[in-house]
Amino acid sequence: MAPSTYCAARSRQPSLRARRDALLRSALRALWEDNYRAYGARKLRKAATRAGHDAGRDQVARLRRAEGIEGVRRTKRVRTTRPDPAAARHPDLVKRNFTATGPDQLWVTDLTFVPTFAGIAYVCFIIDAFNRMVVGWRVPSNMRTETVLDAIGMVRWSRGTQLKGLRPVELAQFTSLR
Protein backbone atom coordinates (compact mmCIF):
# COMPACT_ATOMS: atom_id res chain seq x y z
CA MET A 1 0.00 0.00 0.00
CA ALA A 2 1.36 3.37 -0.92
CA PRO A 3 2.00 5.77 1.98
CA SER A 4 -0.31 8.40 0.50
CA THR A 5 -3.14 5.85 0.23
CA TYR A 6 -2.63 4.80 3.83
CA CYS A 7 -2.62 8.41 5.09
CA ALA A 8 -5.74 9.20 3.05
CA ALA A 9 -7.55 6.18 4.47
CA ARG A 10 -6.56 7.12 8.03
CA SER A 11 -7.69 10.75 7.71
CA ARG A 12 -10.92 9.95 5.86
CA GLN A 13 -14.24 10.25 7.72
CA PRO A 14 -16.09 7.00 8.45
CA SER A 15 -18.39 5.89 5.66
CA LEU A 16 -22.15 6.32 5.81
CA ARG A 17 -22.52 2.57 6.44
CA ALA A 18 -20.04 2.64 9.31
CA ARG A 19 -21.84 5.60 10.92
CA ARG A 20 -25.26 3.91 10.52
CA ASP A 21 -23.86 0.68 11.90
CA ALA A 22 -22.47 2.46 14.96
CA LEU A 23 -25.86 3.99 15.73
CA LEU A 24 -27.74 0.78 15.05
CA ARG A 25 -25.31 -1.31 17.12
CA SER A 26 -26.03 0.70 20.24
CA ALA A 27 -29.78 0.60 19.52
CA LEU A 28 -29.72 -3.17 19.00
CA ARG A 29 -27.73 -3.64 22.20
CA ALA A 30 -30.26 -1.54 24.13
CA LEU A 31 -33.23 -3.41 22.63
CA TRP A 32 -31.60 -6.75 23.45
CA GLU A 33 -30.95 -5.67 27.05
CA ASP A 34 -34.51 -4.34 27.41
CA ASN A 35 -35.90 -7.71 26.31
CA TYR A 36 -33.99 -9.72 28.92
CA ARG A 37 -31.25 -10.77 26.49
CA ALA A 38 -33.62 -13.27 24.96
CA TYR A 39 -34.10 -11.96 21.42
CA GLY A 40 -32.34 -13.47 18.43
CA ALA A 41 -31.92 -11.90 14.98
CA ARG A 42 -35.57 -12.19 13.87
CA LYS A 43 -37.16 -10.74 16.96
CA LEU A 44 -34.44 -8.14 17.33
CA ARG A 45 -35.11 -6.90 13.79
CA LYS A 46 -38.84 -6.67 14.48
CA ALA A 47 -38.19 -4.79 17.72
CA ALA A 48 -35.83 -2.40 15.89
CA THR A 49 -38.47 -1.76 13.22
CA ARG A 50 -41.09 -1.07 15.91
CA ALA A 51 -38.64 1.33 17.57
CA GLY A 52 -38.29 3.28 14.31
CA HIS A 53 -34.91 1.99 13.12
CA ASP A 54 -34.68 1.14 9.43
CA ALA A 55 -32.65 -2.08 9.44
CA GLY A 56 -32.55 -5.03 7.10
CA ARG A 57 -32.57 -8.67 8.11
CA ASP A 58 -28.98 -9.35 7.13
CA GLN A 59 -27.76 -6.09 8.60
CA VAL A 60 -29.28 -6.90 11.98
CA ALA A 61 -27.83 -10.41 11.84
CA ARG A 62 -24.36 -9.06 10.96
CA LEU A 63 -24.40 -6.41 13.70
CA ARG A 64 -25.80 -8.86 16.23
CA ARG A 65 -22.93 -11.26 15.55
CA ALA A 66 -20.39 -8.41 15.73
CA GLU A 67 -21.79 -7.32 19.10
CA GLY A 68 -21.83 -10.87 20.44
CA ILE A 69 -25.60 -10.81 20.95
CA GLU A 70 -27.19 -14.24 21.09
CA GLY A 71 -30.79 -15.18 21.58
CA VAL A 72 -31.92 -17.72 24.12
CA ARG A 73 -32.10 -21.28 22.82
CA ARG A 74 -35.03 -23.06 24.27
CA THR A 75 -34.72 -26.81 24.25
CA LYS A 76 -36.75 -29.42 25.99
CA ARG A 77 -34.86 -30.59 29.03
CA VAL A 78 -34.97 -34.36 29.36
CA ARG A 79 -35.07 -35.74 32.86
CA THR A 80 -34.13 -39.40 32.79
CA THR A 81 -34.04 -40.11 36.51
CA ARG A 82 -35.36 -38.58 39.69
CA PRO A 83 -33.05 -39.93 42.36
CA ASP A 84 -34.18 -40.21 45.94
CA PRO A 85 -31.33 -38.96 48.15
CA ALA A 86 -32.64 -40.95 51.10
CA ALA A 87 -32.73 -44.24 49.19
CA ALA A 88 -29.93 -46.74 49.69
CA ARG A 89 -27.58 -47.32 46.79
CA HIS A 90 -27.50 -50.71 45.12
CA PRO A 91 -24.39 -52.73 45.96
CA ASP A 92 -21.70 -53.14 43.32
CA LEU A 93 -21.82 -56.92 42.97
CA VAL A 94 -19.01 -57.10 40.39
CA LYS A 95 -16.72 -54.64 42.24
CA ARG A 96 -16.24 -52.60 39.03
CA ASN A 97 -14.70 -55.64 37.33
CA PHE A 98 -16.50 -55.85 33.98
CA THR A 99 -14.50 -58.73 32.55
CA ALA A 100 -15.76 -62.20 31.72
CA THR A 101 -13.92 -65.35 30.61
CA GLY A 102 -16.74 -66.56 28.37
CA PRO A 103 -20.04 -65.51 26.85
CA ASP A 104 -23.20 -65.19 28.95
CA GLN A 105 -21.32 -64.75 32.22
CA LEU A 106 -21.85 -61.03 32.75
CA TRP A 107 -24.21 -58.60 31.07
CA VAL A 108 -24.16 -54.86 31.51
CA THR A 109 -26.83 -52.41 30.46
CA ASP A 110 -27.39 -48.76 29.81
CA LEU A 111 -30.55 -46.73 29.55
CA THR A 112 -30.21 -43.38 27.85
CA PHE A 113 -32.08 -41.02 25.61
CA VAL A 114 -31.49 -39.85 22.06
CA PRO A 115 -33.05 -36.61 20.81
CA THR A 116 -34.57 -37.07 17.35
CA PHE A 117 -36.61 -34.88 15.03
CA ALA A 118 -39.73 -36.81 16.04
CA GLY A 119 -39.07 -36.40 19.78
CA ILE A 120 -37.10 -38.23 22.43
CA ALA A 121 -36.27 -41.90 21.97
CA TYR A 122 -35.14 -43.88 25.00
CA VAL A 123 -32.62 -46.62 24.32
CA CYS A 124 -31.97 -49.59 26.57
CA PHE A 125 -29.35 -52.07 25.48
CA ILE A 126 -27.73 -55.06 27.13
CA ILE A 127 -24.12 -55.92 26.32
CA ASP A 128 -22.30 -59.18 26.94
CA ALA A 129 -19.13 -58.19 28.84
CA PHE A 130 -17.12 -61.00 27.23
CA ASN A 131 -17.28 -59.95 23.58
CA ARG A 132 -18.99 -56.56 23.96
CA MET A 133 -21.80 -57.66 21.70
CA VAL A 134 -25.25 -56.13 22.06
CA VAL A 135 -27.42 -59.09 22.99
CA GLY A 136 -30.67 -57.26 23.70
CA TRP A 137 -32.14 -53.84 23.08
CA ARG A 138 -35.31 -51.82 23.15
CA VAL A 139 -36.08 -48.32 21.79
CA PRO A 140 -39.45 -46.98 23.02
CA SER A 141 -40.72 -43.41 23.22
CA ASN A 142 -41.09 -43.60 27.00
CA MET A 143 -38.92 -44.63 29.92
CA ARG A 144 -40.69 -47.29 31.92
CA THR A 145 -39.70 -50.49 33.67
CA GLU A 146 -41.12 -52.49 30.78
CA THR A 147 -38.34 -51.08 28.58
CA VAL A 148 -35.66 -52.90 30.56
CA LEU A 149 -37.77 -56.02 30.98
CA ASP A 150 -38.40 -56.16 27.22
CA ALA A 151 -34.65 -55.89 26.57
CA ILE A 152 -34.01 -58.73 29.03
CA GLY A 153 -36.78 -60.73 27.39
CA MET A 154 -35.10 -60.24 24.02
CA VAL A 155 -31.85 -61.64 25.42
CA ARG A 156 -33.61 -64.61 26.98
CA TRP A 157 -35.41 -65.29 23.71
CA SER A 158 -32.21 -65.13 21.63
CA ARG A 159 -29.93 -66.92 24.13
CA GLY A 160 -32.39 -69.43 25.49
CA THR A 161 -34.17 -69.49 28.82
CA GLN A 162 -31.52 -71.58 30.61
CA LEU A 163 -28.47 -69.37 31.15
CA LYS A 164 -26.27 -71.44 33.42
CA GLY A 165 -23.10 -69.30 33.35
CA LEU A 166 -24.73 -65.95 34.03
CA ARG A 167 -23.98 -64.48 37.45
CA PRO A 168 -27.02 -63.08 39.25
CA VAL A 169 -25.71 -59.53 39.06
CA GLU A 170 -28.01 -56.58 38.99
CA LEU A 171 -27.58 -55.04 35.56
CA ALA A 172 -25.18 -52.08 35.70
CA GLN A 173 -26.43 -48.69 36.77
CA PHE A 174 -28.81 -46.86 34.49
CA THR A 175 -26.98 -43.75 33.47
CA SER A 176 -27.50 -41.09 30.90
CA LEU A 177 -24.75 -40.41 28.37
CA ARG A 178 -25.35 -36.68 28.76
C-alpha atoms as a PDB file:
ATOM      1  CA  MET A   1       0.000   0.000   0.000  1.00  0.00           C
ATOM      2  CA  ALA A   2       1.356   3.373  -0.921  1.00  0.00           C
ATOM      3  CA  PRO A   3       1.997   5.770   1.984  1.00  0.00           C
ATOM      4  CA  SER A   4      -0.314   8.397   0.504  1.00  0.00           C
ATOM      5  CA  THR A   5      -3.143   5.851   0.234  1.00  0.00           C
ATOM      6  CA  TYR A   6      -2.633   4.798   3.834  1.00  0.00           C
ATOM      7  CA  CYS A   7      -2.625   8.412   5.088  1.00  0.00           C
ATOM      8  CA  ALA A   8      -5.741   9.205   3.046  1.00  0.00           C
ATOM      9  CA  ALA A   9      -7.554   6.182   4.475  1.00  0.00           C
ATOM     10  CA  ARG A  10      -6.556   7.124   8.032  1.00  0.00           C
ATOM     11  CA  SER A  11      -7.693  10.747   7.712  1.00  0.00           C
ATOM     12  CA  ARG A  12     -10.924   9.951   5.863  1.00  0.00           C
ATOM     13  CA  GLN A  13     -14.235  10.250   7.716  1.00  0.00           C
ATOM     14  CA  PRO A  14     -16.092   6.996   8.454  1.00  0.00           C
ATOM     15  CA  SER A  15     -18.395   5.886   5.658  1.00  0.00           C
ATOM     16  CA  LEU A  16     -22.147   6.318   5.811  1.00  0.00           C
ATOM     17  CA  ARG A  17     -22.524   2.572   6.439  1.00  0.00           C
ATOM     18  CA  ALA A  18     -20.042   2.636   9.311  1.00  0.00           C
ATOM     19  CA  ARG A  19     -21.845   5.595  10.915  1.00  0.00           C
ATOM     20  CA  ARG A  20     -25.259   3.914  10.521  1.00  0.00           C
ATOM     21  CA  ASP A  21     -23.863   0.676  11.902  1.00  0.00           C
ATOM     22  CA  ALA A  22     -22.467   2.456  14.964  1.00  0.00           C
ATOM     23  CA  LEU A  23     -25.863   3.990  15.731  1.00  0.00           C
ATOM     24  CA  LEU A  24     -27.743   0.776  15.048  1.00  0.00           C
ATOM     25  CA  ARG A  25     -25.309  -1.312  17.116  1.00  0.00           C
ATOM     26  CA  SER A  26     -26.032   0.697  20.244  1.00  0.00           C
ATOM     27  CA  ALA A  27     -29.784   0.604  19.525  1.00  0.00           C
ATOM     28  CA  LEU A  28     -29.715  -3.170  19.003  1.00  0.00           C
ATOM     29  CA  ARG A  29     -27.731  -3.644  22.200  1.00  0.00           C
ATOM     30  CA  ALA A  30     -30.265  -1.538  24.135  1.00  0.00           C
ATOM     31  CA  LEU A  31     -33.233  -3.409  22.632  1.00  0.00           C
ATOM     32  CA  TRP A  32     -31.597  -6.748  23.449  1.00  0.00           C
ATOM     33  CA  GLU A  33     -30.946  -5.669  27.049  1.00  0.00           C
ATOM     34  CA  ASP A  34     -34.506  -4.342  27.410  1.00  0.00           C
ATOM     35  CA  ASN A  35     -35.900  -7.711  26.313  1.00  0.00           C
ATOM     36  CA  TYR A  36     -33.990  -9.717  28.923  1.00  0.00           C
ATOM     37  CA  ARG A  37     -31.251 -10.767  26.491  1.00  0.00           C
ATOM     38  CA  ALA A  38     -33.619 -13.271  24.955  1.00  0.00           C
ATOM     39  CA  TYR A  39     -34.103 -11.959  21.418  1.00  0.00           C
ATOM     40  CA  GLY A  40     -32.339 -13.469  18.432  1.00  0.00           C
ATOM     41  CA  ALA A  41     -31.919 -11.897  14.984  1.00  0.00           C
ATOM     42  CA  ARG A  42     -35.568 -12.185  13.868  1.00  0.00           C
ATOM     43  CA  LYS A  43     -37.164 -10.743  16.963  1.00  0.00           C
ATOM     44  CA  LEU A  44     -34.437  -8.144  17.335  1.00  0.00           C
ATOM     45  CA  ARG A  45     -35.109  -6.905  13.791  1.00  0.00           C
ATOM     46  CA  LYS A  46     -38.838  -6.670  14.479  1.00  0.00           C
ATOM     47  CA  ALA A  47     -38.188  -4.786  17.719  1.00  0.00           C
ATOM     48  CA  ALA A  48     -35.832  -2.398  15.887  1.00  0.00           C
ATOM     49  CA  THR A  49     -38.472  -1.763  13.221  1.00  0.00           C
ATOM     50  CA  ARG A  50     -41.094  -1.065  15.908  1.00  0.00           C
ATOM     51  CA  ALA A  51     -38.640   1.330  17.573  1.00  0.00           C
ATOM     52  CA  GLY A  52     -38.288   3.280  14.310  1.00  0.00           C
ATOM     53  CA  HIS A  53     -34.911   1.988  13.122  1.00  0.00           C
ATOM     54  CA  ASP A  54     -34.677   1.139   9.427  1.00  0.00           C
ATOM     55  CA  ALA A  55     -32.650  -2.076   9.438  1.00  0.00           C
ATOM     56  CA  GLY A  56     -32.551  -5.027   7.103  1.00  0.00           C
ATOM     57  CA  ARG A  57     -32.572  -8.668   8.113  1.00  0.00           C
ATOM     58  CA  ASP A  58     -28.980  -9.349   7.128  1.00  0.00           C
ATOM     59  CA  GLN A  59     -27.759  -6.086   8.602  1.00  0.00           C
ATOM     60  CA  VAL A  60     -29.276  -6.902  11.984  1.00  0.00           C
ATOM     61  CA  ALA A  61     -27.831 -10.410  11.836  1.00  0.00           C
ATOM     62  CA  ARG A  62     -24.362  -9.059  10.962  1.00  0.00           C
ATOM     63  CA  LEU A  63     -24.397  -6.413  13.699  1.00  0.00           C
ATOM     64  CA  ARG A  64     -25.802  -8.858  16.233  1.00  0.00           C
ATOM     65  CA  ARG A  65     -22.926 -11.258  15.552  1.00  0.00           C
ATOM     66  CA  ALA A  66     -20.394  -8.407  15.728  1.00  0.00           C
ATOM     67  CA  GLU A  67     -21.793  -7.322  19.103  1.00  0.00           C
ATOM     68  CA  GLY A  68     -21.830 -10.873  20.438  1.00  0.00           C
ATOM     69  CA  ILE A  69     -25.596 -10.808  20.946  1.00  0.00           C
ATOM     70  CA  GLU A  70     -27.189 -14.237  21.090  1.00  0.00           C
ATOM     71  CA  GLY A  71     -30.788 -15.177  21.580  1.00  0.00           C
ATOM     72  CA  VAL A  72     -31.916 -17.723  24.118  1.00  0.00           C
ATOM     73  CA  ARG A  73     -32.096 -21.278  22.819  1.00  0.00           C
ATOM     74  CA  ARG A  74     -35.033 -23.061  24.272  1.00  0.00           C
ATOM     75  CA  THR A  75     -34.720 -26.808  24.252  1.00  0.00           C
ATOM     76  CA  LYS A  76     -36.747 -29.416  25.994  1.00  0.00           C
ATOM     77  CA  ARG A  77     -34.860 -30.591  29.034  1.00  0.00           C
ATOM     78  CA  VAL A  78     -34.974 -34.357  29.359  1.00  0.00           C
ATOM     79  CA  ARG A  79     -35.068 -35.738  32.861  1.00  0.00           C
ATOM     80  CA  THR A  80     -34.128 -39.399  32.795  1.00  0.00           C
ATOM     81  CA  THR A  81     -34.038 -40.110  36.513  1.00  0.00           C
ATOM     82  CA  ARG A  82     -35.365 -38.581  39.691  1.00  0.00           C
ATOM     83  CA  PRO A  83     -33.047 -39.932  42.363  1.00  0.00           C
ATOM     84  CA  ASP A  84     -34.184 -40.208  45.944  1.00  0.00           C
ATOM     85  CA  PRO A  85     -31.331 -38.959  48.149  1.00  0.00           C
ATOM     86  CA  ALA A  86     -32.642 -40.950  51.098  1.00  0.00           C
ATOM     87  CA  ALA A  87     -32.732 -44.244  49.189  1.00  0.00           C
ATOM     88  CA  ALA A  88     -29.934 -46.739  49.690  1.00  0.00           C
ATOM     89  CA  ARG A  89     -27.579 -47.325  46.793  1.00  0.00           C
ATOM     90  CA  HIS A  90     -27.502 -50.708  45.117  1.00  0.00           C
ATOM     91  CA  PRO A  91     -24.393 -52.725  45.964  1.00  0.00           C
ATOM     92  CA  ASP A  92     -21.699 -53.142  43.324  1.00  0.00           C
ATOM     93  CA  LEU A  93     -21.819 -56.918  42.968  1.00  0.00           C
ATOM     94  CA  VAL A  94     -19.012 -57.096  40.386  1.00  0.00           C
ATOM     95  CA  LYS A  95     -16.723 -54.638  42.240  1.00  0.00           C
ATOM     96  CA  ARG A  96     -16.236 -52.599  39.030  1.00  0.00           C
ATOM     97  CA  ASN A  97     -14.700 -55.637  37.329  1.00  0.00           C
ATOM     98  CA  PHE A  98     -16.503 -55.851  33.982  1.00  0.00           C
ATOM     99  CA  THR A  99     -14.504 -58.730  32.552  1.00  0.00           C
ATOM    100  CA  ALA A 100     -15.762 -62.203  31.718  1.00  0.00           C
ATOM    101  CA  THR A 101     -13.924 -65.347  30.614  1.00  0.00           C
ATOM    102  CA  GLY A 102     -16.737 -66.565  28.371  1.00  0.00           C
ATOM    103  CA  PRO A 103     -20.043 -65.505  26.851  1.00  0.00           C
ATOM    104  CA  ASP A 104     -23.202 -65.191  28.952  1.00  0.00           C
ATOM    105  CA  GLN A 105     -21.324 -64.752  32.223  1.00  0.00           C
ATOM    106  CA  LEU A 106     -21.849 -61.025  32.755  1.00  0.00           C
ATOM    107  CA  TRP A 107     -24.210 -58.603  31.072  1.00  0.00           C
ATOM    108  CA  VAL A 108     -24.157 -54.856  31.514  1.00  0.00           C
ATOM    109  CA  THR A 109     -26.831 -52.411  30.458  1.00  0.00           C
ATOM    110  CA  ASP A 110     -27.385 -48.762  29.809  1.00  0.00           C
ATOM    111  CA  LEU A 111     -30.551 -46.731  29.553  1.00  0.00           C
ATOM    112  CA  THR A 112     -30.206 -43.382  27.854  1.00  0.00           C
ATOM    113  CA  PHE A 113     -32.084 -41.017  25.610  1.00  0.00           C
ATOM    114  CA  VAL A 114     -31.489 -39.851  22.063  1.00  0.00           C
ATOM    115  CA  PRO A 115     -33.051 -36.607  20.814  1.00  0.00           C
ATOM    116  CA  THR A 116     -34.574 -37.068  17.354  1.00  0.00           C
ATOM    117  CA  PHE A 117     -36.614 -34.881  15.031  1.00  0.00           C
ATOM    118  CA  ALA A 118     -39.728 -36.805  16.039  1.00  0.00           C
ATOM    119  CA  GLY A 119     -39.068 -36.403  19.781  1.00  0.00           C
ATOM    120  CA  ILE A 120     -37.096 -38.227  22.433  1.00  0.00           C
ATOM    121  CA  ALA A 121     -36.271 -41.903  21.970  1.00  0.00           C
ATOM    122  CA  TYR A 122     -35.141 -43.879  24.996  1.00  0.00           C
ATOM    123  CA  VAL A 123     -32.622 -46.620  24.321  1.00  0.00           C
ATOM    124  CA  CYS A 124     -31.966 -49.586  26.569  1.00  0.00           C
ATOM    125  CA  PHE A 125     -29.352 -52.069  25.479  1.00  0.00           C
ATOM    126  CA  ILE A 126     -27.735 -55.061  27.132  1.00  0.00           C
ATOM    127  CA  ILE A 127     -24.123 -55.923  26.324  1.00  0.00           C
ATOM    128  CA  ASP A 128     -22.296 -59.180  26.940  1.00  0.00           C
ATOM    129  CA  ALA A 129     -19.129 -58.189  28.838  1.00  0.00           C
ATOM    130  CA  PHE A 130     -17.116 -61.004  27.229  1.00  0.00           C
ATOM    131  CA  ASN A 131     -17.280 -59.950  23.577  1.00  0.00           C
ATOM    132  CA  ARG A 132     -18.995 -56.556  23.957  1.00  0.00           C
ATOM    133  CA  MET A 133     -21.804 -57.660  21.696  1.00  0.00           C
ATOM    134  CA  VAL A 134     -25.249 -56.128  22.064  1.00  0.00           C
ATOM    135  CA  VAL A 135     -27.424 -59.089  22.993  1.00  0.00           C
ATOM    136  CA  GLY A 136     -30.671 -57.258  23.700  1.00  0.00           C
ATOM    137  CA  TRP A 137     -32.137 -53.840  23.081  1.00  0.00           C
ATOM    138  CA  ARG A 138     -35.312 -51.822  23.155  1.00  0.00           C
ATOM    139  CA  VAL A 139     -36.084 -48.323  21.786  1.00  0.00           C
ATOM    140  CA  PRO A 140     -39.449 -46.977  23.025  1.00  0.00           C
ATOM    141  CA  SER A 141     -40.716 -43.406  23.216  1.00  0.00           C
ATOM    142  CA  ASN A 142     -41.090 -43.597  27.001  1.00  0.00           C
ATOM    143  CA  MET A 143     -38.919 -44.630  29.917  1.00  0.00           C
ATOM    144  CA  ARG A 144     -40.688 -47.285  31.916  1.00  0.00           C
ATOM    145  CA  THR A 145     -39.704 -50.490  33.674  1.00  0.00           C
ATOM    146  CA  GLU A 146     -41.125 -52.495  30.776  1.00  0.00           C
ATOM    147  CA  THR A 147     -38.340 -51.082  28.584  1.00  0.00           C
ATOM    148  CA  VAL A 148     -35.656 -52.898  30.562  1.00  0.00           C
ATOM    149  CA  LEU A 149     -37.769 -56.016  30.978  1.00  0.00           C
ATOM    150  CA  ASP A 150     -38.402 -56.163  27.223  1.00  0.00           C
ATOM    151  CA  ALA A 151     -34.651 -55.892  26.569  1.00  0.00           C
ATOM    152  CA  ILE A 152     -34.011 -58.726  29.030  1.00  0.00           C
ATOM    153  CA  GLY A 153     -36.785 -60.728  27.385  1.00  0.00           C
ATOM    154  CA  MET A 154     -35.099 -60.240  24.018  1.00  0.00           C
ATOM    155  CA  VAL A 155     -31.848 -61.643  25.424  1.00  0.00           C
ATOM    156  CA  ARG A 156     -33.606 -64.615  26.983  1.00  0.00           C
ATOM    157  CA  TRP A 157     -35.414 -65.293  23.706  1.00  0.00           C
ATOM    158  CA  SER A 158     -32.214 -65.130  21.630  1.00  0.00           C
ATOM    159  CA  ARG A 159     -29.930 -66.917  24.132  1.00  0.00           C
ATOM    160  CA  GLY A 160     -32.393 -69.425  25.488  1.00  0.00           C
ATOM    161  CA  THR A 161     -34.172 -69.491  28.820  1.00  0.00           C
ATOM    162  CA  GLN A 162     -31.517 -71.577  30.611  1.00  0.00           C
ATOM    163  CA  LEU A 163     -28.473 -69.366  31.148  1.00  0.00           C
ATOM    164  CA  LYS A 164     -26.272 -71.438  33.420  1.00  0.00           C
ATOM    165  CA  GLY A 165     -23.100 -69.303  33.345  1.00  0.00           C
ATOM    166  CA  LEU A 166     -24.732 -65.946  34.030  1.00  0.00           C
ATOM    167  CA  ARG A 167     -23.976 -64.481  37.445  1.00  0.00           C
ATOM    168  CA  PRO A 168     -27.020 -63.081  39.248  1.00  0.00           C
ATOM    169  CA  VAL A 169     -25.715 -59.525  39.059  1.00  0.00           C
ATOM    170  CA  GLU A 170     -28.006 -56.583  38.995  1.00  0.00           C
ATOM    171  CA  LEU A 171     -27.575 -55.037  35.565  1.00  0.00           C
ATOM    172  CA  ALA A 172     -25.176 -52.079  35.701  1.00  0.00           C
ATOM    173  CA  GLN A 173     -26.430 -48.693  36.769  1.00  0.00           C
ATOM    174  CA  PHE A 174     -28.808 -46.865  34.490  1.00  0.00           C
ATOM    175  CA  THR A 175     -26.975 -43.750  33.473  1.00  0.00           C
ATOM    176  CA  SER A 176     -27.495 -41.094  30.896  1.00  0.00           C
ATOM    177  CA  LEU A 177     -24.751 -40.406  28.374  1.00  0.00           C
ATOM    178  CA  ARG A 178     -25.354 -36.680  28.765  1.00  0.00           C
END
